[in-house]
mmCIF file of all heavy atoms, coordinates in Angstrom:
data_MODEL
# 
_entry.id   MODEL 
# 
loop_
_atom_site.group_PDB 
_atom_site.id 
_atom_site.type_symbol 
_atom_site.label_atom_id 
_atom_site.label_alt_id 
_atom_site.label_comp_id 
_atom_site.label_asym_id 
_atom_site.label_entity_id 
_atom_site.label_seq_id 
_atom_site.pdbx_PDB_ins_code 
_atom_site.Cartn_x 
_atom_site.Cartn_y 
_atom_site.Cartn_z 
_atom_site.occupancy 
_atom_site.B_iso_or_equiv 
_atom_site.pdbx_formal_charge 
_atom_site.auth_seq_id 
_atom_site.auth_comp_id 
_atom_site.auth_asym_id 
_atom_site.auth_atom_id 
_atom_site.pdbx_PDB_model_num 
ATOM 1   N N   . THR A 1 1  ? 90.992  108.012 117.633 1.00 0.00 ? 1  THR A N   1 
ATOM 2   C CA  . THR A 1 1  ? 91.935  107.798 116.518 1.00 0.00 ? 1  THR A CA  1 
ATOM 3   C C   . THR A 1 1  ? 93.360  108.017 116.890 1.00 0.00 ? 1  THR A C   1 
ATOM 4   O O   . THR A 1 1  ? 94.217  107.247 116.631 1.00 0.00 ? 1  THR A O   1 
ATOM 5   C CB  . THR A 1 1  ? 91.537  108.791 115.335 1.00 0.00 ? 1  THR A CB  1 
ATOM 6   O OG1 . THR A 1 1  ? 90.246  108.424 114.879 1.00 0.00 ? 1  THR A OG1 1 
ATOM 7   C CG2 . THR A 1 1  ? 92.632  108.657 114.203 1.00 0.00 ? 1  THR A CG2 1 
ATOM 8   N N   . LEU A 1 2  ? 93.549  109.124 117.638 1.00 0.00 ? 2  LEU A N   1 
ATOM 9   C CA  . LEU A 1 2  ? 94.969  109.337 118.143 1.00 0.00 ? 2  LEU A CA  1 
ATOM 10  C C   . LEU A 1 2  ? 95.478  108.244 119.063 1.00 0.00 ? 2  LEU A C   1 
ATOM 11  O O   . LEU A 1 2  ? 96.588  107.851 118.918 1.00 0.00 ? 2  LEU A O   1 
ATOM 12  C CB  . LEU A 1 2  ? 94.977  110.669 118.895 1.00 0.00 ? 2  LEU A CB  1 
ATOM 13  C CG  . LEU A 1 2  ? 94.737  111.986 118.012 1.00 0.00 ? 2  LEU A CG  1 
ATOM 14  C CD1 . LEU A 1 2  ? 94.553  113.150 118.982 1.00 0.00 ? 2  LEU A CD1 1 
ATOM 15  C CD2 . LEU A 1 2  ? 95.935  112.196 117.105 1.00 0.00 ? 2  LEU A CD2 1 
ATOM 16  N N   . ILE A 1 3  ? 94.575  107.765 119.962 1.00 0.00 ? 3  ILE A N   1 
ATOM 17  C CA  . ILE A 1 3  ? 95.099  106.711 120.828 1.00 0.00 ? 3  ILE A CA  1 
ATOM 18  C C   . ILE A 1 3  ? 95.363  105.367 120.064 1.00 0.00 ? 3  ILE A C   1 
ATOM 19  O O   . ILE A 1 3  ? 96.391  104.710 120.259 1.00 0.00 ? 3  ILE A O   1 
ATOM 20  C CB  . ILE A 1 3  ? 94.047  106.512 121.971 1.00 0.00 ? 3  ILE A CB  1 
ATOM 21  C CG1 . ILE A 1 3  ? 93.911  107.704 122.853 1.00 0.00 ? 3  ILE A CG1 1 
ATOM 22  C CG2 . ILE A 1 3  ? 94.356  105.233 122.770 1.00 0.00 ? 3  ILE A CG2 1 
ATOM 23  C CD1 . ILE A 1 3  ? 92.752  107.696 123.857 1.00 0.00 ? 3  ILE A CD1 1 
ATOM 24  N N   . GLY A 1 4  ? 94.400  105.005 119.312 1.00 0.00 ? 4  GLY A N   1 
ATOM 25  C CA  . GLY A 1 4  ? 94.504  103.792 118.475 1.00 0.00 ? 4  GLY A CA  1 
ATOM 26  C C   . GLY A 1 4  ? 95.694  103.741 117.601 1.00 0.00 ? 4  GLY A C   1 
ATOM 27  O O   . GLY A 1 4  ? 96.481  102.744 117.538 1.00 0.00 ? 4  GLY A O   1 
ATOM 28  N N   . SER A 1 5  ? 95.878  104.838 116.870 1.00 0.00 ? 5  SER A N   1 
ATOM 29  C CA  . SER A 1 5  ? 97.026  104.801 115.876 1.00 0.00 ? 5  SER A CA  1 
ATOM 30  C C   . SER A 1 5  ? 98.378  105.020 116.635 1.00 0.00 ? 5  SER A C   1 
ATOM 31  O O   . SER A 1 5  ? 99.426  104.491 116.183 1.00 0.00 ? 5  SER A O   1 
ATOM 32  C CB  . SER A 1 5  ? 96.827  105.975 114.885 1.00 0.00 ? 5  SER A CB  1 
ATOM 33  O OG  . SER A 1 5  ? 96.507  107.187 115.503 1.00 0.00 ? 5  SER A OG  1 
ATOM 34  N N   . ALA A 1 6  ? 98.378  105.718 117.760 1.00 0.00 ? 6  ALA A N   1 
ATOM 35  C CA  . ALA A 1 6  ? 99.621  105.819 118.536 1.00 0.00 ? 6  ALA A CA  1 
ATOM 36  C C   . ALA A 1 6  ? 100.006 104.538 119.148 1.00 0.00 ? 6  ALA A C   1 
ATOM 37  O O   . ALA A 1 6  ? 101.202 104.248 119.280 1.00 0.00 ? 6  ALA A O   1 
ATOM 38  C CB  . ALA A 1 6  ? 99.412  106.924 119.713 1.00 0.00 ? 6  ALA A CB  1 
ATOM 39  N N   . LEU A 1 7  ? 99.061  103.690 119.500 1.00 0.00 ? 7  LEU A N   1 
ATOM 40  C CA  . LEU A 1 7  ? 99.363  102.354 120.018 1.00 0.00 ? 7  LEU A CA  1 
ATOM 41  C C   . LEU A 1 7  ? 100.072 101.480 118.889 1.00 0.00 ? 7  LEU A C   1 
ATOM 42  O O   . LEU A 1 7  ? 100.906 100.677 119.144 1.00 0.00 ? 7  LEU A O   1 
ATOM 43  C CB  . LEU A 1 7  ? 98.155  101.646 120.493 1.00 0.00 ? 7  LEU A CB  1 
ATOM 44  C CG  . LEU A 1 7  ? 97.603  102.106 121.781 1.00 0.00 ? 7  LEU A CG  1 
ATOM 45  C CD1 . LEU A 1 7  ? 96.290  101.440 122.127 1.00 0.00 ? 7  LEU A CD1 1 
ATOM 46  C CD2 . LEU A 1 7  ? 98.537  101.941 122.930 1.00 0.00 ? 7  LEU A CD2 1 
ATOM 47  N N   . MET A 1 8  ? 99.710  101.770 117.680 1.00 0.00 ? 8  MET A N   1 
ATOM 48  C CA  . MET A 1 8  ? 100.380 101.107 116.573 1.00 0.00 ? 8  MET A CA  1 
ATOM 49  C C   . MET A 1 8  ? 101.815 101.577 116.530 1.00 0.00 ? 8  MET A C   1 
ATOM 50  O O   . MET A 1 8  ? 102.741 100.770 116.260 1.00 0.00 ? 8  MET A O   1 
ATOM 51  C CB  . MET A 1 8  ? 99.749  101.445 115.202 1.00 0.00 ? 8  MET A CB  1 
ATOM 52  C CG  . MET A 1 8  ? 98.292  100.784 115.097 1.00 0.00 ? 8  MET A CG  1 
ATOM 53  S SD  . MET A 1 8  ? 98.348  99.064  114.756 1.00 0.00 ? 8  MET A SD  1 
ATOM 54  C CE  . MET A 1 8  ? 98.793  99.084  112.958 1.00 0.00 ? 8  MET A CE  1 
ATOM 55  N N   . GLY A 1 9  ? 102.109 102.789 116.795 1.00 0.00 ? 9  GLY A N   1 
ATOM 56  C CA  . GLY A 1 9  ? 103.447 103.325 116.867 1.00 0.00 ? 9  GLY A CA  1 
ATOM 57  C C   . GLY A 1 9  ? 104.214 102.713 118.049 1.00 0.00 ? 9  GLY A C   1 
ATOM 58  O O   . GLY A 1 9  ? 105.421 102.384 117.909 1.00 0.00 ? 9  GLY A O   1 
ATOM 59  N N   . VAL A 1 10 ? 103.530 102.414 119.160 1.00 0.00 ? 10 VAL A N   1 
ATOM 60  C CA  . VAL A 1 10 ? 104.190 101.774 120.262 1.00 0.00 ? 10 VAL A CA  1 
ATOM 61  C C   . VAL A 1 10 ? 104.661 100.347 119.907 1.00 0.00 ? 10 VAL A C   1 
ATOM 62  O O   . VAL A 1 10 ? 105.729 99.916  120.140 1.00 0.00 ? 10 VAL A O   1 
ATOM 63  C CB  . VAL A 1 10 ? 103.247 101.725 121.485 1.00 0.00 ? 10 VAL A CB  1 
ATOM 64  C CG1 . VAL A 1 10 ? 103.793 100.853 122.582 1.00 0.00 ? 10 VAL A CG1 1 
ATOM 65  C CG2 . VAL A 1 10 ? 102.954 103.101 122.000 1.00 0.00 ? 10 VAL A CG2 1 
ATOM 66  N N   . ILE A 1 11 ? 103.709 99.619  119.116 1.00 0.00 ? 11 ILE A N   1 
ATOM 67  C CA  . ILE A 1 11 ? 104.058 98.293  118.689 1.00 0.00 ? 11 ILE A CA  1 
ATOM 68  C C   . ILE A 1 11 ? 105.243 98.324  117.770 1.00 0.00 ? 11 ILE A C   1 
ATOM 69  O O   . ILE A 1 11 ? 106.169 97.535  117.939 1.00 0.00 ? 11 ILE A O   1 
ATOM 70  C CB  . ILE A 1 11 ? 102.830 97.639  118.005 1.00 0.00 ? 11 ILE A CB  1 
ATOM 71  C CG1 . ILE A 1 11 ? 101.706 97.470  118.924 1.00 0.00 ? 11 ILE A CG1 1 
ATOM 72  C CG2 . ILE A 1 11 ? 103.224 96.299  117.343 1.00 0.00 ? 11 ILE A CG2 1 
ATOM 73  C CD1 . ILE A 1 11 ? 100.387 97.002  118.295 1.00 0.00 ? 11 ILE A CD1 1 
ATOM 74  N N   . PHE A 1 12 ? 105.229 99.301  116.863 1.00 0.00 ? 12 PHE A N   1 
ATOM 75  C CA  . PHE A 1 12 ? 106.412 99.427  115.921 1.00 0.00 ? 12 PHE A CA  1 
ATOM 76  C C   . PHE A 1 12 ? 107.650 99.630  116.657 1.00 0.00 ? 12 PHE A C   1 
ATOM 77  O O   . PHE A 1 12 ? 108.687 99.040  116.319 1.00 0.00 ? 12 PHE A O   1 
ATOM 78  C CB  . PHE A 1 12 ? 106.117 100.491 114.883 1.00 0.00 ? 12 PHE A CB  1 
ATOM 79  C CG  . PHE A 1 12 ? 107.109 100.666 113.857 1.00 0.00 ? 12 PHE A CG  1 
ATOM 80  C CD1 . PHE A 1 12 ? 107.119 99.992  112.713 1.00 0.00 ? 12 PHE A CD1 1 
ATOM 81  C CD2 . PHE A 1 12 ? 108.170 101.613 114.057 1.00 0.00 ? 12 PHE A CD2 1 
ATOM 82  C CE1 . PHE A 1 12 ? 108.088 100.124 111.701 1.00 0.00 ? 12 PHE A CE1 1 
ATOM 83  C CE2 . PHE A 1 12 ? 109.187 101.737 113.067 1.00 0.00 ? 12 PHE A CE2 1 
ATOM 84  C CZ  . PHE A 1 12 ? 109.127 100.951 111.871 1.00 0.00 ? 12 PHE A CZ  1 
ATOM 85  N N   . CYS A 1 13 ? 107.690 100.551 117.612 1.00 0.00 ? 13 CYS A N   1 
ATOM 86  C CA  . CYS A 1 13 ? 108.826 100.962 118.351 1.00 0.00 ? 13 CYS A CA  1 
ATOM 87  C C   . CYS A 1 13 ? 109.352 99.826  119.217 1.00 0.00 ? 13 CYS A C   1 
ATOM 88  O O   . CYS A 1 13 ? 110.548 99.561  119.384 1.00 0.00 ? 13 CYS A O   1 
ATOM 89  C CB  . CYS A 1 13 ? 108.661 102.180 119.190 1.00 0.00 ? 13 CYS A CB  1 
ATOM 90  S SG  . CYS A 1 13 ? 108.573 103.684 118.202 1.00 0.00 ? 13 CYS A SG  1 
ATOM 91  N N   . PHE A 1 14 ? 108.352 99.074  119.811 1.00 0.00 ? 14 PHE A N   1 
ATOM 92  C CA  . PHE A 1 14 ? 108.723 98.026  120.672 1.00 0.00 ? 14 PHE A CA  1 
ATOM 93  C C   . PHE A 1 14 ? 109.538 96.918  119.896 1.00 0.00 ? 14 PHE A C   1 
ATOM 94  O O   . PHE A 1 14 ? 110.527 96.386  120.307 1.00 0.00 ? 14 PHE A O   1 
ATOM 95  C CB  . PHE A 1 14 ? 107.550 97.338  121.355 1.00 0.00 ? 14 PHE A CB  1 
ATOM 96  C CG  . PHE A 1 14 ? 107.858 96.106  122.186 1.00 0.00 ? 14 PHE A CG  1 
ATOM 97  C CD1 . PHE A 1 14 ? 108.472 96.285  123.458 1.00 0.00 ? 14 PHE A CD1 1 
ATOM 98  C CD2 . PHE A 1 14 ? 107.559 94.886  121.749 1.00 0.00 ? 14 PHE A CD2 1 
ATOM 99  C CE1 . PHE A 1 14 ? 108.740 95.130  124.141 1.00 0.00 ? 14 PHE A CE1 1 
ATOM 100 C CE2 . PHE A 1 14 ? 107.823 93.753  122.527 1.00 0.00 ? 14 PHE A CE2 1 
ATOM 101 C CZ  . PHE A 1 14 ? 108.443 93.908  123.763 1.00 0.00 ? 14 PHE A CZ  1 
ATOM 102 N N   . LEU A 1 15 ? 109.071 96.652  118.688 1.00 0.00 ? 15 LEU A N   1 
ATOM 103 C CA  . LEU A 1 15 ? 109.684 95.653  117.845 1.00 0.00 ? 15 LEU A CA  1 
ATOM 104 C C   . LEU A 1 15 ? 111.030 96.126  117.284 1.00 0.00 ? 15 LEU A C   1 
ATOM 105 O O   . LEU A 1 15 ? 112.016 95.378  117.232 1.00 0.00 ? 15 LEU A O   1 
ATOM 106 C CB  . LEU A 1 15 ? 108.716 95.247  116.712 1.00 0.00 ? 15 LEU A CB  1 
ATOM 107 C CG  . LEU A 1 15 ? 107.452 94.471  117.138 1.00 0.00 ? 15 LEU A CG  1 
ATOM 108 C CD1 . LEU A 1 15 ? 106.503 94.312  115.917 1.00 0.00 ? 15 LEU A CD1 1 
ATOM 109 C CD2 . LEU A 1 15 ? 107.770 93.133  117.718 1.00 0.00 ? 15 LEU A CD2 1 
ATOM 110 N N   . THR A 1 16 ? 111.126 97.373  116.847 1.00 0.00 ? 16 THR A N   1 
ATOM 111 C CA  . THR A 1 16 ? 112.265 97.860  116.086 1.00 0.00 ? 16 THR A CA  1 
ATOM 112 C C   . THR A 1 16 ? 113.333 98.497  117.045 1.00 0.00 ? 16 THR A C   1 
ATOM 113 O O   . THR A 1 16 ? 114.547 98.392  116.802 1.00 0.00 ? 16 THR A O   1 
ATOM 114 C CB  . THR A 1 16 ? 111.896 98.895  115.083 1.00 0.00 ? 16 THR A CB  1 
ATOM 115 O OG1 . THR A 1 16 ? 111.196 99.994  115.687 1.00 0.00 ? 16 THR A OG1 1 
ATOM 116 C CG2 . THR A 1 16 ? 110.956 98.277  113.963 1.00 0.00 ? 16 THR A CG2 1 
ATOM 117 N N   . VAL A 1 17 ? 112.825 99.137  118.111 1.00 0.00 ? 17 VAL A N   1 
ATOM 118 C CA  . VAL A 1 17 ? 113.775 99.791  119.031 1.00 0.00 ? 17 VAL A CA  1 
ATOM 119 C C   . VAL A 1 17 ? 114.291 98.895  120.180 1.00 0.00 ? 17 VAL A C   1 
ATOM 120 O O   . VAL A 1 17 ? 115.402 98.671  120.397 1.00 0.00 ? 17 VAL A O   1 
ATOM 121 C CB  . VAL A 1 17 ? 113.279 101.126 119.621 1.00 0.00 ? 17 VAL A CB  1 
ATOM 122 C CG1 . VAL A 1 17 ? 114.205 101.724 120.623 1.00 0.00 ? 17 VAL A CG1 1 
ATOM 123 C CG2 . VAL A 1 17 ? 112.928 102.137 118.485 1.00 0.00 ? 17 VAL A CG2 1 
ATOM 124 N N   . THR A 1 18 ? 113.231 98.225  120.783 1.00 0.00 ? 18 THR A N   1 
ATOM 125 C CA  . THR A 1 18 ? 113.530 97.380  121.963 1.00 0.00 ? 18 THR A CA  1 
ATOM 126 C C   . THR A 1 18 ? 113.998 95.999  121.514 1.00 0.00 ? 18 THR A C   1 
ATOM 127 O O   . THR A 1 18 ? 115.027 95.475  122.005 1.00 0.00 ? 18 THR A O   1 
ATOM 128 C CB  . THR A 1 18 ? 112.298 97.206  122.764 1.00 0.00 ? 18 THR A CB  1 
ATOM 129 O OG1 . THR A 1 18 ? 111.825 98.496  123.268 1.00 0.00 ? 18 THR A OG1 1 
ATOM 130 C CG2 . THR A 1 18 ? 112.617 96.364  124.020 1.00 0.00 ? 18 THR A CG2 1 
ATOM 131 N N   . LEU A 1 19 ? 113.348 95.382  120.530 1.00 0.00 ? 19 LEU A N   1 
ATOM 132 C CA  . LEU A 1 19 ? 113.712 94.034  120.048 1.00 0.00 ? 19 LEU A CA  1 
ATOM 133 C C   . LEU A 1 19 ? 114.637 94.008  118.840 1.00 0.00 ? 19 LEU A C   1 
ATOM 134 O O   . LEU A 1 19 ? 115.082 93.035  118.442 1.00 0.00 ? 19 LEU A O   1 
ATOM 135 C CB  . LEU A 1 19 ? 112.406 93.224  119.804 1.00 0.00 ? 19 LEU A CB  1 
ATOM 136 C CG  . LEU A 1 19 ? 111.504 93.029  121.010 1.00 0.00 ? 19 LEU A CG  1 
ATOM 137 C CD1 . LEU A 1 19 ? 110.308 92.125  120.592 1.00 0.00 ? 19 LEU A CD1 1 
ATOM 138 C CD2 . LEU A 1 19 ? 112.212 92.493  122.237 1.00 0.00 ? 19 LEU A CD2 1 
ATOM 139 N N   . ARG A 1 20 ? 114.837 95.204  118.234 1.00 0.00 ? 20 ARG A N   1 
ATOM 140 C CA  . ARG A 1 20 ? 115.650 95.460  117.105 1.00 0.00 ? 20 ARG A CA  1 
ATOM 141 C C   . ARG A 1 20 ? 115.258 94.557  115.876 1.00 0.00 ? 20 ARG A C   1 
ATOM 142 O O   . ARG A 1 20 ? 116.156 94.024  115.218 1.00 0.00 ? 20 ARG A O   1 
ATOM 143 C CB  . ARG A 1 20 ? 117.050 95.170  117.493 1.00 0.00 ? 20 ARG A CB  1 
ATOM 144 C CG  . ARG A 1 20 ? 117.632 96.015  118.569 1.00 0.00 ? 20 ARG A CG  1 
ATOM 145 C CD  . ARG A 1 20 ? 118.936 95.654  119.132 1.00 0.00 ? 20 ARG A CD  1 
ATOM 146 N NE  . ARG A 1 20 ? 119.401 96.539  120.174 1.00 0.00 ? 20 ARG A NE  1 
ATOM 147 C CZ  . ARG A 1 20 ? 120.534 96.304  120.903 1.00 0.00 ? 20 ARG A CZ  1 
ATOM 148 N NH1 . ARG A 1 20 ? 121.269 95.149  120.673 1.00 0.00 ? 20 ARG A NH1 1 
ATOM 149 N NH2 . ARG A 1 20 ? 120.929 97.176  121.824 1.00 0.00 ? 20 ARG A NH2 1 
ATOM 150 N N   . VAL A 1 21 ? 113.984 94.458  115.649 1.00 0.00 ? 21 VAL A N   1 
ATOM 151 C CA  . VAL A 1 21 ? 113.521 93.743  114.452 1.00 0.00 ? 21 VAL A CA  1 
ATOM 152 C C   . VAL A 1 21 ? 113.629 94.674  113.242 1.00 0.00 ? 21 VAL A C   1 
ATOM 153 O O   . VAL A 1 21 ? 113.615 95.861  113.362 1.00 0.00 ? 21 VAL A O   1 
ATOM 154 C CB  . VAL A 1 21 ? 112.003 93.325  114.655 1.00 0.00 ? 21 VAL A CB  1 
ATOM 155 C CG1 . VAL A 1 21 ? 111.469 92.530  113.400 1.00 0.00 ? 21 VAL A CG1 1 
ATOM 156 C CG2 . VAL A 1 21 ? 111.914 92.475  115.871 1.00 0.00 ? 21 VAL A CG2 1 
ATOM 157 N N   . ASN A 1 22 ? 113.823 93.984  112.059 1.00 0.00 ? 22 ASN A N   1 
ATOM 158 C CA  . ASN A 1 22 ? 113.961 94.787  110.886 1.00 0.00 ? 22 ASN A CA  1 
ATOM 159 C C   . ASN A 1 22 ? 112.744 95.729  110.574 1.00 0.00 ? 22 ASN A C   1 
ATOM 160 O O   . ASN A 1 22 ? 111.616 95.318  110.730 1.00 0.00 ? 22 ASN A O   1 
ATOM 161 C CB  . ASN A 1 22 ? 114.123 93.816  109.635 1.00 0.00 ? 22 ASN A CB  1 
ATOM 162 C CG  . ASN A 1 22 ? 114.266 94.537  108.336 1.00 0.00 ? 22 ASN A CG  1 
ATOM 163 O OD1 . ASN A 1 22 ? 113.331 94.979  107.670 1.00 0.00 ? 22 ASN A OD1 1 
ATOM 164 N ND2 . ASN A 1 22 ? 115.503 94.645  107.900 1.00 0.00 ? 22 ASN A ND2 1 
ATOM 165 N N   . GLN A 1 23 ? 113.032 97.000  110.256 1.00 0.00 ? 23 GLN A N   1 
ATOM 166 C CA  . GLN A 1 23 ? 111.981 98.001  110.218 1.00 0.00 ? 23 GLN A CA  1 
ATOM 167 C C   . GLN A 1 23 ? 111.062 97.705  108.985 1.00 0.00 ? 23 GLN A C   1 
ATOM 168 O O   . GLN A 1 23 ? 109.834 97.903  109.074 1.00 0.00 ? 23 GLN A O   1 
ATOM 169 C CB  . GLN A 1 23 ? 112.537 99.451  110.028 1.00 0.00 ? 23 GLN A CB  1 
ATOM 170 C CG  . GLN A 1 23 ? 113.251 99.878  111.279 1.00 0.00 ? 23 GLN A CG  1 
ATOM 171 C CD  . GLN A 1 23 ? 113.729 101.271 111.213 1.00 0.00 ? 23 GLN A CD  1 
ATOM 172 O OE1 . GLN A 1 23 ? 113.307 102.051 110.355 1.00 0.00 ? 23 GLN A OE1 1 
ATOM 173 N NE2 . GLN A 1 23 ? 114.838 101.614 112.015 1.00 0.00 ? 23 GLN A NE2 1 
ATOM 174 N N   . ASN A 1 24 ? 111.587 97.314  107.891 1.00 0.00 ? 24 ASN A N   1 
ATOM 175 C CA  . ASN A 1 24 ? 110.772 97.038  106.730 1.00 0.00 ? 24 ASN A CA  1 
ATOM 176 C C   . ASN A 1 24 ? 109.792 95.887  106.895 1.00 0.00 ? 24 ASN A C   1 
ATOM 177 O O   . ASN A 1 24 ? 108.615 96.004  106.571 1.00 0.00 ? 24 ASN A O   1 
ATOM 178 C CB  . ASN A 1 24 ? 111.621 96.717  105.503 1.00 0.00 ? 24 ASN A CB  1 
ATOM 179 C CG  . ASN A 1 24 ? 112.545 97.883  105.038 1.00 0.00 ? 24 ASN A CG  1 
ATOM 180 O OD1 . ASN A 1 24 ? 112.147 99.040  105.218 1.00 0.00 ? 24 ASN A OD1 1 
ATOM 181 N ND2 . ASN A 1 24 ? 113.689 97.590  104.520 1.00 0.00 ? 24 ASN A ND2 1 
ATOM 182 N N   . VAL A 1 25 ? 110.312 94.845  107.549 1.00 0.00 ? 25 VAL A N   1 
ATOM 183 C CA  . VAL A 1 25 ? 109.390 93.675  107.836 1.00 0.00 ? 25 VAL A CA  1 
ATOM 184 C C   . VAL A 1 25 ? 108.339 94.070  108.805 1.00 0.00 ? 25 VAL A C   1 
ATOM 185 O O   . VAL A 1 25 ? 107.179 93.752  108.709 1.00 0.00 ? 25 VAL A O   1 
ATOM 186 C CB  . VAL A 1 25 ? 110.230 92.517  108.327 1.00 0.00 ? 25 VAL A CB  1 
ATOM 187 C CG1 . VAL A 1 25 ? 109.347 91.303  108.730 1.00 0.00 ? 25 VAL A CG1 1 
ATOM 188 C CG2 . VAL A 1 25 ? 111.278 92.047  107.294 1.00 0.00 ? 25 VAL A CG2 1 
ATOM 189 N N   . THR A 1 26 ? 108.748 94.805  109.833 1.00 0.00 ? 26 THR A N   1 
ATOM 190 C CA  . THR A 1 26 ? 107.805 95.203  110.925 1.00 0.00 ? 26 THR A CA  1 
ATOM 191 C C   . THR A 1 26 ? 106.655 96.131  110.262 1.00 0.00 ? 26 THR A C   1 
ATOM 192 O O   . THR A 1 26 ? 105.504 95.929  110.658 1.00 0.00 ? 26 THR A O   1 
ATOM 193 C CB  . THR A 1 26 ? 108.492 95.964  112.000 1.00 0.00 ? 26 THR A CB  1 
ATOM 194 O OG1 . THR A 1 26 ? 109.478 95.180  112.528 1.00 0.00 ? 26 THR A OG1 1 
ATOM 195 C CG2 . THR A 1 26 ? 107.502 96.398  113.074 1.00 0.00 ? 26 THR A CG2 1 
ATOM 196 N N   . GLY A 1 27 ? 107.039 97.077  109.489 1.00 0.00 ? 27 GLY A N   1 
ATOM 197 C CA  . GLY A 1 27 ? 106.142 97.996  108.858 1.00 0.00 ? 27 GLY A CA  1 
ATOM 198 C C   . GLY A 1 27 ? 105.133 97.203  108.003 1.00 0.00 ? 27 GLY A C   1 
ATOM 199 O O   . GLY A 1 27 ? 103.937 97.557  108.052 1.00 0.00 ? 27 GLY A O   1 
# 
């Protein structure tokens, strides 16, 4: 569970921090 859900966090950060995609849309 920790690994799977943390990977979702990685996806969110990659899109919003690295690629600077809108946070609301990404979520």
